[in-house]
C-alpha cells in the first residue's frame, strides 16, 4: 500500500510536517511582545518630549503647550496621503486654534529636503508650525514607520489617539479634537 503512493506526495508530506513543527516551535521559543515591552509611544502614556526648530527657525517643544490639546503629524513632502490630508489639518487649525488646539507637523530631514518641504507647505496653505527633525531622533523616539502618522495628545500630555496612515479627514479630526477639548 505504501509503495503505491507517488514519491512527490511523500516529499510534500515531509515538507508540510517540517513546517508544522517549525510553527509550533517558533510560538514556544519566540514569545510575542507584551504591551509593556513594546517600544514607542502608546495610548495613555505621556508623549515623548519634542524640542525642534521650525522652517522659520523658531524653537518649539511640548512643554510650551502644556494645557492645550496637541496634534502632532509626521509627514514627508513626497508622501501622497500626507499631501491629501494637509488641507484638512489647516481647516481644523483655523477652526480650533483659539479653542486650545496646537498643531505641529514634523518632517525628517534625512528623508526630505528644505526646498521640497517649503513647496509642499506653500501648496497646502498650512499655517501651523512645520518642525524639522534634522537627525531623525524624534521620528525614532515616536517609532515612526509609516507616513503619515498622527498623534492626538490631551491637555495633560498623554497620548489619546494614534492614526497610522491617511489621509485623515476634517470630520474625523474635528470629532476627536472636540472630545479632547471637552475633557480638559
Foldseek 3Di string as FASTA:
>chain_A
DVVVDDPVVVVVVVVVVVVVVVVVVCCVVPPDDDPVPDAAADFFAFHDWDWFAFLVRDTDIPVVQQQAKEKEKEAALVDVQVLVQLLLVQVLCVVCVVLRYAYEYEYECVVYPDVSVVVSCVVSVHPHTYTYNDHCPSCVNRVDDAPTKMFIAANNRGTHDIDGTDDDHNVVVVVVNVVRSVVD
